[in-house]
Each structure stands twice: as structure tokens, then as C-alpha cells.
């Protein structure tokens, strides 16, 4: 089964994350099938960039997002909707 989750990038004490699609049984830092976005919690405010179309396509194929990725997707959808 495929999952959508975070993989850590960035240096010591400066975390940044990629949002990736990977086989759910693989380790956190393993090779991803596809990169669909980034998340930088250290920026003020936190920066979330997600290719929503790719994320929705993977969800349609059966990929299950983690709780954190699911909340980030909601934030990304709010940012893309016109006010």
C-alpha cells in the first residue's frame, strides 16, 4: 500500500520536510515514488507548498496520507481557494 508522508531534509536544528509518496512499509528516508510538495515549519509563518492535483491523483489511486500530511493538504487547499 502506498502512503503520503513527510521525509526530513535540512540541516541540524533547521528541519524542513518533503511530502512524498512511498510504499508504506519502507523506512522514512527511503526512495520515494514521487515528491509532491514541501513543508518548512521554521519559517515565519510556516511555508506549505503542495501540488494539490498530484496529491489528489495519488489519493484516487489508493495512497493514504498520514495525519500530518492530511492537515497540510487542508491548509494548502485553503490557500488555493479564492477569497
PDB file of N, CA and C in Angstrom:
ATOM      1  N   UNK A   1       0.833  -1.169   0.000  1.00  0.00           N
ATOM      2  CA  UNK A   1       0.000   0.000   0.000  1.00  0.00           C
ATOM      3  C   UNK A   1       0.886   1.244   0.000  1.00  0.00           C
ATOM      4  N   UNK A   2       0.470   2.249  -0.717  1.00  0.00           N
ATOM      5  CA  UNK A   2       1.216   3.495  -0.800  1.00  0.00           C
ATOM      6  C   UNK A   2       0.735   4.463   0.278  1.00  0.00           C
ATOM      7  N   UNK A   3       1.660   5.272   0.774  1.00  0.00           N
ATOM      8  CA  UNK A   3       1.292   6.282   1.758  1.00  0.00           C
ATOM      9  C   UNK A   3       1.929   7.613   1.373  1.00  0.00           C
ATOM     10  N   UNK A   4       1.323   8.680   1.831  1.00  0.00           N
ATOM     11  CA  UNK A   4       1.852  10.021   1.644  1.00  0.00           C
ATOM     12  C   UNK A   4       2.332  10.464   3.019  1.00  0.00           C
ATOM     13  N   UNK A   5       3.608  10.802   3.120  1.00  0.00           N
ATOM     14  CA  UNK A   5       4.155  11.176   4.419  1.00  0.00           C
ATOM     15  C   UNK A   5       5.306  12.146   4.248  1.00  0.00           C
ATOM     16  N   UNK A   6       5.839  12.608   5.375  1.00  0.00           N
ATOM     17  CA  UNK A   6       6.942  13.556   5.374  1.00  0.00           C
ATOM     18  C   UNK A   6       8.275  12.823   5.431  1.00  0.00           C
ATOM     19  N   UNK A   7       9.259  13.366   4.730  1.00  0.00           N
ATOM     20  CA  UNK A   7      10.629  12.906   4.864  1.00  0.00           C
ATOM     21  C   UNK A   7      11.472  14.133   5.187  1.00  0.00           C
ATOM     22  N   UNK A   8      12.350  13.990   6.136  1.00  0.00           N
ATOM     23  CA  UNK A   8      13.105  15.148   6.626  1.00  0.00           C
ATOM     24  C   UNK A   8      14.271  15.486   5.703  1.00  0.00           C
ATOM     25  N   UNK A   9      14.417  16.773   5.446  1.00  0.00           N
ATOM     26  CA  UNK A   9      15.589  17.321   4.778  1.00  0.00           C
ATOM     27  C   UNK A   9      16.033  18.503   5.640  1.00  0.00           C
ATOM     28  N   UNK A  10      17.098  19.134   5.308  1.00  0.00           N
ATOM     29  CA  UNK A  10      17.550  20.273   6.096  1.00  0.00           C
ATOM     30  C   UNK A  10      18.655  19.871   7.044  1.00  0.00           C
ATOM     31  N   UNK A  11      19.282  20.871   7.616  1.00  0.00           N
ATOM     32  CA  UNK A  11      20.428  20.624   8.482  1.00  0.00           C
ATOM     33  C   UNK A  11      20.007  20.462   9.941  1.00  0.00           C
ATOM     34  N   UNK A  12      20.990  20.247  10.779  1.00  0.00           N
ATOM     35  CA  UNK A  12      20.760  20.063  12.201  1.00  0.00           C
ATOM     36  C   UNK A  12      20.096  21.316  12.784  1.00  0.00           C
ATOM     37  N   UNK A  13      19.060  21.111  13.573  1.00  0.00           N
ATOM     38  CA  UNK A  13      18.281  22.183  14.212  1.00  0.00           C
ATOM     39  C   UNK A  13      17.565  23.099  13.224  1.00  0.00           C
ATOM     40  N   UNK A  14      17.507  22.757  11.937  1.00  0.00           N
ATOM     41  CA  UNK A  14      16.793  23.534  10.925  1.00  0.00           C
ATOM     42  C   UNK A  14      15.966  22.569  10.072  1.00  0.00           C
ATOM     43  N   UNK A  15      14.944  21.961  10.637  1.00  0.00           N
ATOM     44  CA  UNK A  15      14.211  20.947   9.885  1.00  0.00           C
ATOM     45  C   UNK A  15      13.400  21.545   8.743  1.00  0.00           C
ATOM     46  N   UNK A  16      13.312  20.787   7.693  1.00  0.00           N
ATOM     47  CA  UNK A  16      12.425  21.062   6.570  1.00  0.00           C
ATOM     48  C   UNK A  16      11.998  19.680   6.084  1.00  0.00           C
ATOM     49  N   UNK A  17      10.883  19.611   5.434  1.00  0.00           N
ATOM     50  CA  UNK A  17      10.331  18.312   5.048  1.00  0.00           C
ATOM     51  C   UNK A  17       9.870  18.324   3.606  1.00  0.00           C
ATOM     52  N   UNK A  18       9.973  17.172   2.955  1.00  0.00           N
ATOM     53  CA  UNK A  18       9.352  16.937   1.656  1.00  0.00           C
ATOM     54  C   UNK A  18       8.128  16.067   1.892  1.00  0.00           C
ATOM     55  N   UNK A  19       7.101  16.323   1.134  1.00  0.00           N
ATOM     56  CA  UNK A  19       5.917  15.475   1.176  1.00  0.00           C
ATOM     57  C   UNK A  19       6.070  14.501   0.021  1.00  0.00           C
ATOM     58  N   UNK A  20       6.106  13.215   0.348  1.00  0.00           N
ATOM     59  CA  UNK A  20       6.426  12.188  -0.638  1.00  0.00           C
ATOM     60  C   UNK A  20       5.364  11.094  -0.657  1.00  0.00           C
ATOM     61  N   UNK A  21       5.339  10.386  -1.780  1.00  0.00           N
ATOM     62  CA  UNK A  21       4.521   9.181  -1.906  1.00  0.00           C
ATOM     63  C   UNK A  21       5.492   8.017  -1.920  1.00  0.00           C
ATOM     64  N   UNK A  22       5.295   7.084  -0.988  1.00  0.00           N
ATOM     65  CA  UNK A  22       6.239   5.981  -0.820  1.00  0.00           C
ATOM     66  C   UNK A  22       5.475   4.742  -0.374  1.00  0.00           C
ATOM     67  N   UNK A  23       6.060   3.582  -0.596  1.00  0.00           N
ATOM     68  CA  UNK A  23       5.467   2.344  -0.101  1.00  0.00           C
ATOM     69  C   UNK A  23       5.417   2.409   1.421  1.00  0.00           C
ATOM     70  N   UNK A  24       4.287   2.069   2.011  1.00  0.00           N
ATOM     71  CA  UNK A  24       4.088   2.252   3.448  1.00  0.00           C
ATOM     72  C   UNK A  24       5.022   1.416   4.315  1.00  0.00           C
ATOM     73  N   UNK A  25       5.608   0.369   3.778  1.00  0.00           N
ATOM     74  CA  UNK A  25       6.493  -0.487   4.572  1.00  0.00           C
ATOM     75  C   UNK A  25       7.955  -0.057   4.504  1.00  0.00           C
ATOM     76  N   UNK A  26       8.276   0.963   3.737  1.00  0.00           N
ATOM     77  CA  UNK A  26       9.653   1.419   3.589  1.00  0.00           C
ATOM     78  C   UNK A  26      10.042   2.365   4.736  1.00  0.00           C
ATOM     79  N   UNK A  27      11.340   2.468   5.062  1.00  0.00           N
ATOM     80  CA  UNK A  27      11.792   3.403   6.099  1.00  0.00           C
ATOM     81  C   UNK A  27      11.551   4.858   5.703  1.00  0.00           C
ATOM     82  N   UNK A  28      11.629   5.755   6.680  1.00  0.00           N
ATOM     83  CA  UNK A  28      11.314   7.168   6.465  1.00  0.00           C
ATOM     84  C   UNK A  28      12.179   7.801   5.379  1.00  0.00           C
ATOM     85  N   UNK A  29      13.459   7.506   5.380  1.00  0.00           N
ATOM     86  CA  UNK A  29      14.377   8.149   4.443  1.00  0.00           C
ATOM     87  C   UNK A  29      14.599   7.347   3.168  1.00  0.00           C
ATOM     88  N   UNK A  30      13.721   6.405   2.856  1.00  0.00           N
ATOM     89  CA  UNK A  30      13.902   5.583   1.667  1.00  0.00           C
ATOM     90  C   UNK A  30      13.506   6.345   0.409  1.00  0.00           C
ATOM     91  N   UNK A  31      13.767   5.738  -0.723  1.00  0.00           N
ATOM     92  CA  UNK A  31      13.493   6.363  -2.009  1.00  0.00           C
ATOM     93  C   UNK A  31      11.989   6.494  -2.228  1.00  0.00           C
ATOM     94  N   UNK A  32      11.570   7.669  -2.674  1.00  0.00           N
ATOM     95  CA  UNK A  32      10.151   7.947  -2.868  1.00  0.00           C
ATOM     96  C   UNK A  32       9.729   7.682  -4.306  1.00  0.00           C
ATOM     97  N   UNK A  33       8.460   7.359  -4.493  1.00  0.00           N
ATOM     98  CA  UNK A  33       7.911   7.221  -5.844  1.00  0.00           C
ATOM     99  C   UNK A  33       7.791   8.590  -6.493  1.00  0.00           C
ATOM    100  N   UNK A  34       7.325   9.573  -5.698  1.00  0.00           N
ATOM    101  CA  UNK A  34       7.147  10.926  -6.237  1.00  0.00           C
ATOM    102  C   UNK A  34       7.182  11.945  -5.100  1.00  0.00           C
ATOM    103  N   UNK A  35       7.753  13.097  -5.398  1.00  0.00           N
ATOM    104  CA  UNK A  35       7.741  14.231  -4.480  1.00  0.00           C
ATOM    105  C   UNK A  35       6.583  15.127  -4.878  1.00  0.00           C
ATOM    106  N   UNK A  36       5.710  15.452  -3.915  1.00  0.00           N
ATOM    107  CA  UNK A  36       4.544  16.262  -4.265  1.00  0.00           C
ATOM    108  C   UNK A  36       4.510  17.603  -3.558  1.00  0.00           C
ATOM    109  N   UNK A  37       5.480  17.879  -2.689  1.00  0.00           N
ATOM    110  CA  UNK A  37       5.479  19.178  -2.038  1.00  0.00           C
ATOM    111  C   UNK A  37       6.548  19.311  -0.982  1.00  0.00           C
ATOM    112  N   UNK A  38       6.540  20.495  -0.332  1.00  0.00           N
ATOM    113  CA  UNK A  38       7.486  20.779   0.737  1.00  0.00           C
ATOM    114  C   UNK A  38       6.763  21.438   1.902  1.00  0.00           C
ATOM    115  N   UNK A  39       7.385  21.353   3.075  1.00  0.00           N
ATOM    116  CA  UNK A  39       6.862  21.967   4.294  1.00  0.00           C
ATOM    117  C   UNK A  39       8.044  22.480   5.098  1.00  0.00           C
ATOM    118  N   UNK A  40       8.019  23.778   5.408  1.00  0.00           N
ATOM    119  CA  UNK A  40       9.084  24.384   6.197  1.00  0.00           C
ATOM    120  C   UNK A  40       8.474  24.983   7.456  1.00  0.00           C
ATOM    121  N   UNK A  41       8.537  24.272   8.597  1.00  0.00           N
ATOM    122  CA  UNK A  41       7.921  24.769   9.819  1.00  0.00           C
ATOM    123  C   UNK A  41       8.730  25.866  10.513  1.00  0.00           C
ATOM    124  N   UNK A  42       9.997  26.058  10.132  1.00  0.00           N
ATOM    125  CA  UNK A  42      10.821  27.054  10.806  1.00  0.00           C
ATOM    126  C   UNK A  42      10.614  28.456  10.262  1.00  0.00           C
ATOM    127  N   UNK A  43      10.039  28.584   9.075  1.00  0.00           N
ATOM    128  CA  UNK A  43       9.771  29.907   8.516  1.00  0.00           C
ATOM    129  C   UNK A  43       8.631  30.554   9.295  1.00  0.00           C
ATOM    130  N   UNK A  44       8.560  31.861   9.233  1.00  0.00           N
ATOM    131  CA  UNK A  44       7.512  32.572   9.970  1.00  0.00           C
ATOM    132  C   UNK A  44       6.664  33.355   8.998  1.00  0.00           C
ATOM    133  N   UNK A  45       5.463  32.988   8.647  1.00  0.00           N
ATOM    134  CA  UNK A  45       4.723  31.793   9.056  1.00  0.00           C
ATOM    135  C   UNK A  45       5.220  30.550   8.306  1.00  0.00           C
ATOM    136  N   UNK A  46       4.830  29.392   8.773  1.00  0.00           N
ATOM    137  CA  UNK A  46       5.256  28.127   8.162  1.00  0.00           C
ATOM    138  C   UNK A  46       4.841  28.085   6.688  1.00  0.00           C
ATOM    139  N   UNK A  47       5.741  27.571   5.834  1.00  0.00           N
ATOM    140  CA  UNK A  47       5.512  27.542   4.395  1.00  0.00           C
ATOM    141  C   UNK A  47       5.103  26.130   3.981  1.00  0.00           C
ATOM    142  N   UNK A  48       3.953  26.032   3.306  1.00  0.00           N
ATOM    143  CA  UNK A  48       3.462  24.762   2.796  1.00  0.00           C
ATOM    144  C   UNK A  48       3.248  24.908   1.301  1.00  0.00           C
ATOM    145  N   UNK A  49       3.952  24.093   0.503  1.00  0.00           N
ATOM    146  CA  UNK A  49       3.782  24.089  -0.949  1.00  0.00           C
ATOM    147  C   UNK A  49       3.482  22.660  -1.367  1.00  0.00           C
ATOM    148  N   UNK A  50       2.277  22.449  -1.888  1.00  0.00           N
ATOM    149  CA  UNK A  50       1.867  21.105  -2.303  1.00  0.00           C
ATOM    150  C   UNK A  50       1.233  21.190  -3.681  1.00  0.00           C
ATOM    151  N   UNK A  51       1.598  20.261  -4.555  1.00  0.00           N
ATOM    152  CA  UNK A  51       0.925  20.129  -5.837  1.00  0.00           C
ATOM    153  C   UNK A  51      -0.369  19.356  -5.568  1.00  0.00           C
ATOM    154  N   UNK A  52      -1.449  20.092  -5.396  1.00  0.00           N
ATOM    155  CA  UNK A  52      -2.715  19.504  -4.970  1.00  0.00           C
ATOM    156  C   UNK A  52      -3.238  18.516  -6.005  1.00  0.00           C
ATOM    157  N   UNK A  53      -3.037  18.788  -7.288  1.00  0.00           N
ATOM    158  CA  UNK A  53      -3.514  17.884  -8.334  1.00  0.00           C
ATOM    159  C   UNK A  53      -2.829  16.517  -8.227  1.00  0.00           C
ATOM    160  N   UNK A  54      -1.512  16.527  -8.008  1.00  0.00           N
ATOM    161  CA  UNK A  54      -0.784  15.260  -7.843  1.00  0.00           C
ATOM    162  C   UNK A  54      -1.246  14.532  -6.591  1.00  0.00           C
ATOM    163  N   UNK A  55      -1.450  15.279  -5.511  1.00  0.00           N
ATOM    164  CA  UNK A  55      -1.893  14.661  -4.257  1.00  0.00           C
ATOM    165  C   UNK A  55      -3.258  14.000  -4.439  1.00  0.00           C
ATOM    166  N   UNK A  56      -4.172  14.683  -5.087  1.00  0.00           N
ATOM    167  CA  UNK A  56      -5.499  14.116  -5.302  1.00  0.00           C
ATOM    168  C   UNK A  56      -5.437  12.903  -6.220  1.00  0.00           C
ATOM    169  N   UNK A  57      -4.544  12.938  -7.215  1.00  0.00           N
ATOM    170  CA  UNK A  57      -4.396  11.784  -8.109  1.00  0.00           C
ATOM    171  C   UNK A  57      -3.889  10.564  -7.332  1.00  0.00           C
ATOM    172  N   UNK A  58      -2.924  10.754  -6.430  1.00  0.00           N
ATOM    173  CA  UNK A  58      -2.413   9.639  -5.639  1.00  0.00           C
ATOM    174  C   UNK A  58      -3.462   9.120  -4.666  1.00  0.00           C
ATOM    175  N   UNK A  59      -4.239  10.017  -4.097  1.00  0.00           N
ATOM    176  CA  UNK A  59      -5.307   9.578  -3.193  1.00  0.00           C
ATOM    177  C   UNK A  59      -6.332   8.755  -3.965  1.00  0.00           C
ATOM    178  N   UNK A  60      -6.628   9.162  -5.203  1.00  0.00           N
ATOM    179  CA  UNK A  60      -7.557   8.405  -6.045  1.00  0.00           C
ATOM    180  C   UNK A  60      -7.010   7.020  -6.372  1.00  0.00           C
ATOM    181  N   UNK A  61      -5.674   6.899  -6.444  1.00  0.00           N
ATOM    182  CA  UNK A  61      -5.045   5.606  -6.720  1.00  0.00           C
ATOM    183  C   UNK A  61      -4.958   4.728  -5.477  1.00  0.00           C
ATOM    184  N   UNK A  62      -5.299   5.293  -4.295  1.00  0.00           N
ATOM    185  CA  UNK A  62      -5.309   4.497  -3.079  1.00  0.00           C
ATOM    186  C   UNK A  62      -4.251   4.849  -2.062  1.00  0.00           C
ATOM    187  N   UNK A  63      -3.448   5.887  -2.310  1.00  0.00           N
ATOM    188  CA  UNK A  63      -2.442   6.293  -1.327  1.00  0.00           C
ATOM    189  C   UNK A  63      -3.144   6.902  -0.118  1.00  0.00           C
ATOM    190  N   UNK A  64      -2.656   6.562   1.062  1.00  0.00           N
ATOM    191  CA  UNK A  64      -3.265   7.046   2.302  1.00  0.00           C
ATOM    192  C   UNK A  64      -2.348   8.088   2.927  1.00  0.00           C
ATOM    193  N   UNK A  65      -2.821   9.344   3.078  1.00  0.00           N
ATOM    194  CA  UNK A  65      -1.980  10.360   3.705  1.00  0.00           C
ATOM    195  C   UNK A  65      -1.879  10.174   5.209  1.00  0.00           C
ATOM    196  N   UNK A  66      -0.718  10.524   5.768  1.00  0.00           N
ATOM    197  CA  UNK A  66      -0.559  10.493   7.224  1.00  0.00           C
ATOM    198  C   UNK A  66      -1.395  11.624   7.813  1.00  0.00           C
ATOM    199  N   UNK A  67      -1.544  11.630   9.137  1.00  0.00           N
ATOM    200  CA  UNK A  67      -2.337  12.679   9.787  1.00  0.00           C
ATOM    201  C   UNK A  67      -1.758  14.056   9.512  1.00  0.00           C
ATOM    202  N   UNK A  68      -0.436  14.173   9.580  1.00  0.00           N
ATOM    203  CA  UNK A  68       0.219  15.460   9.356  1.00  0.00           C
ATOM    204  C   UNK A  68       0.036  15.917   7.914  1.00  0.00           C
ATOM    205  N   UNK A  69       0.230  15.017   6.974  1.00  0.00           N
ATOM    206  CA  UNK A  69       0.066  15.370   5.564  1.00  0.00           C
ATOM    207  C   UNK A  69      -1.382  15.750   5.277  1.00  0.00           C
ATOM    208  N   UNK A  70      -2.307  15.071   5.897  1.00  0.00           N
ATOM    209  CA  UNK A  70      -3.720  15.385   5.701  1.00  0.00           C
ATOM    210  C   UNK A  70      -4.019  16.811   6.178  1.00  0.00           C
ATOM    211  N   UNK A  71      -3.478  17.208   7.320  1.00  0.00           N
ATOM    212  CA  UNK A  71      -3.704  18.565   7.814  1.00  0.00           C
ATOM    213  C   UNK A  71      -3.009  19.592   6.917  1.00  0.00           C
ATOM    214  N   UNK A  72      -1.831  19.257   6.388  1.00  0.00           N
ATOM    215  CA  UNK A  72      -1.142  20.169   5.476  1.00  0.00           C
ATOM    216  C   UNK A  72      -1.905  20.319   4.158  1.00  0.00           C
ATOM    217  N   UNK A  73      -2.523  19.231   3.692  1.00  0.00           N
ATOM    218  CA  UNK A  73      -3.342  19.303   2.482  1.00  0.00           C
ATOM    219  C   UNK A  73      -4.528  20.241   2.678  1.00  0.00           C
ATOM    220  N   UNK A  74      -5.142  20.180   3.844  1.00  0.00           N
ATOM    221  CA  UNK A  74      -6.255  21.084   4.136  1.00  0.00           C
ATOM    222  C   UNK A  74      -5.792  22.536   4.096  1.00  0.00           C
ATOM    223  N   UNK A  75      -4.614  22.824   4.669  1.00  0.00           N
ATOM    224  CA  UNK A  75      -4.069  24.181   4.637  1.00  0.00           C
ATOM    225  C   UNK A  75      -3.784  24.612   3.211  1.00  0.00           C
ATOM    226  N   UNK A  76      -3.216  23.714   2.401  1.00  0.00           N
ATOM    227  CA  UNK A  76      -2.891  24.041   1.022  1.00  0.00           C
ATOM    228  C   UNK A  76      -4.162  24.312   0.214  1.00  0.00           C
ATOM    229  N   UNK A  77      -5.211  23.549   0.478  1.00  0.00           N
ATOM    230  CA  UNK A  77      -6.480  23.779  -0.227  1.00  0.00           C
ATOM    231  C   UNK A  77      -7.078  25.122   0.141  1.00  0.00           C
ATOM    232  N   UNK A  78      -6.957  25.521   1.408  1.00  0.00           N
ATOM    233  CA  UNK A  78      -7.458  26.823   1.822  1.00  0.00           C
ATOM    234  C   UNK A  78      -6.698  27.962   1.153  1.00  0.00           C
ATOM    235  N   UNK A  79      -5.390  27.776   0.949  1.00  0.00           N
ATOM    236  CA  UNK A  79      -4.561  28.806   0.323  1.00  0.00           C
ATOM    237  C   UNK A  79      -4.880  28.953  -1.162  1.00  0.00           C
ATOM    238  N   UNK A  80      -5.270  27.868  -1.835  1.00  0.00           N
ATOM    239  CA  UNK A  80      -5.513  27.936  -3.264  1.00  0.00           C
ATOM    240  C   UNK A  80      -6.915  28.424  -3.604  1.00  0.00           C
ATOM    241  N   UNK A  81      -7.858  28.322  -2.682  1.00  0.00           N
ATOM    242  CA  UNK A  81      -9.205  28.789  -2.956  1.00  0.00           C
ATOM    243  C   UNK A  81      -9.244  30.315  -2.947  1.00  0.00           C
ATOM    244  N   UNK A  82      -9.941  30.924  -3.925  1.00  0.00           N
ATOM    245  CA  UNK A  82     -10.069  32.386  -3.908  1.00  0.00           C
ATOM    246  C   UNK A  82     -10.934  32.851  -2.755  1.00  0.00           C
ATOM    247  N   UNK A  83     -10.625  34.001  -2.213  1.00  0.00           N
ATOM    248  CA  UNK A  83     -11.350  34.521  -1.052  1.00  0.00           C
ATOM    249  C   UNK A  83     -12.672  35.138  -1.414  1.00  0.00           C
TER     250      UNK A  83
END
